[in-house]
Amino acid sequence: MSRKGNCLDNACMESFFSHLKSECMYVHNFKTDEEVHHAVDRYIRFYNHKRFQSRLHNLSPVQYRAQAS
């Protein structure tokens, strides 16, 4: 699936990076690389634990996975 022109294999990551840029990177002005690293870490934690997603029945990814167990 990684042939040129086949975007299905990386659609999940492209969606995540789109959200990361629009909800985190474009909102803040960073002065150092360290600030960027901390912001990305915070956003990943937020995305996995608190940000609800309609395709997961309005649960966060962690909540949705916990339901399956």
N, C-alpha and C. Protein backbone atom coordinates (compact mmCIF):
# COMPACT_ATOMS: atom_id res chain seq x y z
N MET A 1 0.81 -1.20 0.00
CA MET A 1 0.00 0.00 0.00
C MET A 1 0.85 1.26 0.00
N SER A 2 2.14 1.15 -0.01
CA SER A 2 2.95 2.35 0.08
C SER A 2 3.41 2.86 -1.29
N ARG A 3 2.76 2.39 -2.34
CA ARG A 3 3.12 2.89 -3.67
C ARG A 3 2.78 4.37 -3.79
N LYS A 4 3.46 5.02 -4.69
CA LYS A 4 3.20 6.44 -4.93
C LYS A 4 1.75 6.65 -5.36
N GLY A 5 1.13 7.63 -4.79
CA GLY A 5 -0.25 7.95 -5.15
C GLY A 5 -1.29 7.20 -4.35
N ASN A 6 -0.87 6.32 -3.47
CA ASN A 6 -1.82 5.57 -2.64
C ASN A 6 -1.76 6.15 -1.23
N CYS A 7 -2.71 7.01 -0.91
CA CYS A 7 -2.65 7.74 0.36
C CYS A 7 -3.38 7.02 1.49
N LEU A 8 -3.94 5.86 1.23
CA LEU A 8 -4.73 5.19 2.27
C LEU A 8 -3.89 4.71 3.44
N ASP A 9 -2.63 4.39 3.20
CA ASP A 9 -1.82 3.84 4.28
C ASP A 9 -1.42 4.87 5.32
N ASN A 10 -1.39 6.14 4.97
CA ASN A 10 -0.98 7.15 5.96
C ASN A 10 -2.09 8.16 6.25
N ALA A 11 -3.31 7.82 5.94
CA ALA A 11 -4.43 8.74 6.15
C ALA A 11 -4.62 9.07 7.63
N CYS A 12 -4.43 8.10 8.51
CA CYS A 12 -4.61 8.35 9.95
C CYS A 12 -3.59 9.36 10.46
N MET A 13 -2.34 9.20 10.08
CA MET A 13 -1.31 10.12 10.54
C MET A 13 -1.47 11.50 9.91
N GLU A 14 -1.86 11.55 8.65
CA GLU A 14 -2.08 12.86 8.03
C GLU A 14 -3.23 13.59 8.71
N SER A 15 -4.25 12.86 9.10
CA SER A 15 -5.36 13.47 9.83
C SER A 15 -4.89 14.00 11.17
N PHE A 16 -4.09 13.20 11.90
CA PHE A 16 -3.58 13.64 13.19
C PHE A 16 -2.72 14.90 13.03
N PHE A 17 -1.80 14.91 12.06
CA PHE A 17 -0.93 16.07 11.88
C PHE A 17 -1.72 17.30 11.46
N SER A 18 -2.80 17.11 10.72
CA SER A 18 -3.66 18.24 10.36
C SER A 18 -4.30 18.84 11.60
N HIS A 19 -4.79 17.99 12.50
CA HIS A 19 -5.36 18.47 13.76
C HIS A 19 -4.30 19.14 14.62
N LEU A 20 -3.13 18.52 14.70
CA LEU A 20 -2.03 19.08 15.50
C LEU A 20 -1.68 20.49 15.02
N LYS A 21 -1.55 20.64 13.72
CA LYS A 21 -1.18 21.96 13.20
C LYS A 21 -2.28 22.99 13.44
N SER A 22 -3.52 22.62 13.16
CA SER A 22 -4.59 23.62 13.27
C SER A 22 -4.97 23.92 14.72
N GLU A 23 -4.87 22.94 15.62
CA GLU A 23 -5.29 23.15 17.00
C GLU A 23 -4.15 23.54 17.94
N CYS A 24 -2.91 23.39 17.50
CA CYS A 24 -1.79 23.66 18.40
C CYS A 24 -0.76 24.59 17.76
N MET A 25 -0.22 24.20 16.64
CA MET A 25 0.91 24.93 16.07
C MET A 25 0.55 26.32 15.55
N TYR A 26 -0.59 26.44 14.89
CA TYR A 26 -0.96 27.73 14.32
C TYR A 26 -1.51 28.69 15.37
N VAL A 27 -1.80 28.19 16.56
CA VAL A 27 -2.40 29.01 17.62
C VAL A 27 -1.34 29.72 18.46
N HIS A 28 -0.16 29.10 18.58
CA HIS A 28 0.89 29.62 19.45
C HIS A 28 2.08 30.14 18.64
N ASN A 29 2.80 31.06 19.23
CA ASN A 29 4.07 31.52 18.68
C ASN A 29 5.18 30.96 19.55
N PHE A 30 5.97 30.07 19.00
CA PHE A 30 7.03 29.42 19.76
C PHE A 30 8.35 30.15 19.56
N LYS A 31 9.12 30.27 20.62
CA LYS A 31 10.41 30.94 20.54
C LYS A 31 11.57 29.96 20.52
N THR A 32 11.38 28.77 21.12
CA THR A 32 12.47 27.79 21.16
C THR A 32 11.96 26.41 20.74
N ASP A 33 12.89 25.55 20.40
CA ASP A 33 12.54 24.17 20.06
C ASP A 33 11.93 23.45 21.25
N GLU A 34 12.42 23.78 22.43
CA GLU A 34 11.91 23.15 23.65
C GLU A 34 10.43 23.45 23.84
N GLU A 35 10.01 24.67 23.56
CA GLU A 35 8.60 25.02 23.66
C GLU A 35 7.76 24.19 22.69
N VAL A 36 8.28 23.96 21.50
CA VAL A 36 7.57 23.15 20.51
C VAL A 36 7.45 21.71 21.02
N HIS A 37 8.53 21.17 21.55
CA HIS A 37 8.49 19.80 22.07
C HIS A 37 7.46 19.65 23.19
N HIS A 38 7.43 20.60 24.10
CA HIS A 38 6.47 20.54 25.20
C HIS A 38 5.03 20.68 24.68
N ALA A 39 4.82 21.55 23.72
CA ALA A 39 3.49 21.74 23.16
C ALA A 39 3.01 20.47 22.45
N VAL A 40 3.89 19.83 21.72
CA VAL A 40 3.52 18.58 21.02
C VAL A 40 3.21 17.49 22.04
N ASP A 41 4.03 17.36 23.08
CA ASP A 41 3.76 16.38 24.13
C ASP A 41 2.41 16.62 24.79
N ARG A 42 2.12 17.88 25.12
CA ARG A 42 0.84 18.21 25.73
C ARG A 42 -0.32 17.90 24.78
N TYR A 43 -0.14 18.21 23.49
CA TYR A 43 -1.22 17.97 22.54
C TYR A 43 -1.48 16.48 22.36
N ILE A 44 -0.43 15.68 22.30
CA ILE A 44 -0.61 14.23 22.16
C ILE A 44 -1.35 13.68 23.38
N ARG A 45 -1.00 14.13 24.56
CA ARG A 45 -1.70 13.71 25.78
C ARG A 45 -3.16 14.14 25.72
N PHE A 46 -3.41 15.39 25.31
CA PHE A 46 -4.77 15.90 25.17
C PHE A 46 -5.55 15.09 24.13
N TYR A 47 -4.94 14.83 22.99
CA TYR A 47 -5.59 14.12 21.89
C TYR A 47 -6.00 12.71 22.32
N ASN A 48 -5.15 12.05 23.07
CA ASN A 48 -5.43 10.67 23.46
C ASN A 48 -6.36 10.55 24.66
N HIS A 49 -6.33 11.50 25.58
CA HIS A 49 -7.06 11.34 26.83
C HIS A 49 -8.30 12.22 26.96
N LYS A 50 -8.34 13.37 26.31
CA LYS A 50 -9.45 14.30 26.56
C LYS A 50 -10.24 14.69 25.32
N ARG A 51 -9.63 14.68 24.16
CA ARG A 51 -10.31 15.16 22.95
C ARG A 51 -11.27 14.08 22.45
N PHE A 52 -12.58 14.34 22.55
CA PHE A 52 -13.54 13.36 22.10
C PHE A 52 -13.62 13.39 20.58
N GLN A 53 -13.98 12.25 20.01
CA GLN A 53 -14.06 12.13 18.55
C GLN A 53 -15.38 11.48 18.18
N SER A 54 -16.07 12.07 17.24
CA SER A 54 -17.41 11.59 16.88
C SER A 54 -17.36 10.16 16.33
N ARG A 55 -16.31 9.81 15.62
CA ARG A 55 -16.25 8.45 15.07
C ARG A 55 -16.04 7.39 16.15
N LEU A 56 -15.65 7.83 17.35
CA LEU A 56 -15.49 6.93 18.49
C LEU A 56 -16.65 7.09 19.46
N HIS A 57 -17.80 7.50 18.95
CA HIS A 57 -19.02 7.68 19.75
C HIS A 57 -18.80 8.71 20.87
N ASN A 58 -18.16 9.80 20.53
CA ASN A 58 -17.91 10.93 21.43
C ASN A 58 -17.11 10.53 22.68
N LEU A 59 -16.14 9.66 22.48
CA LEU A 59 -15.21 9.27 23.53
C LEU A 59 -13.80 9.61 23.08
N SER A 60 -12.89 9.74 24.03
CA SER A 60 -11.48 9.91 23.67
C SER A 60 -10.95 8.54 23.25
N PRO A 61 -9.83 8.49 22.52
CA PRO A 61 -9.28 7.20 22.12
C PRO A 61 -9.00 6.27 23.30
N VAL A 62 -8.50 6.81 24.41
CA VAL A 62 -8.22 5.97 25.58
C VAL A 62 -9.52 5.42 26.17
N GLN A 63 -10.54 6.25 26.27
CA GLN A 63 -11.83 5.79 26.78
C GLN A 63 -12.43 4.72 25.88
N TYR A 64 -12.31 4.92 24.58
CA TYR A 64 -12.86 3.97 23.61
C TYR A 64 -12.16 2.61 23.71
N ARG A 65 -10.84 2.64 23.83
CA ARG A 65 -10.10 1.37 23.97
C ARG A 65 -10.42 0.69 25.29
N ALA A 66 -10.63 1.46 26.34
CA ALA A 66 -10.97 0.87 27.65
C ALA A 66 -12.33 0.19 27.61
N GLN A 67 -13.23 0.71 26.81
CA GLN A 67 -14.54 0.10 26.67
C GLN A 67 -14.44 -1.29 26.04
N ALA A 68 -13.52 -1.47 25.12
CA ALA A 68 -13.39 -2.72 24.39
C ALA A 68 -12.86 -3.84 25.28
N SER A 69 -12.16 -3.50 26.37
CA SER A 69 -11.58 -4.55 27.22
C SER A 69 -12.59 -5.11 28.16
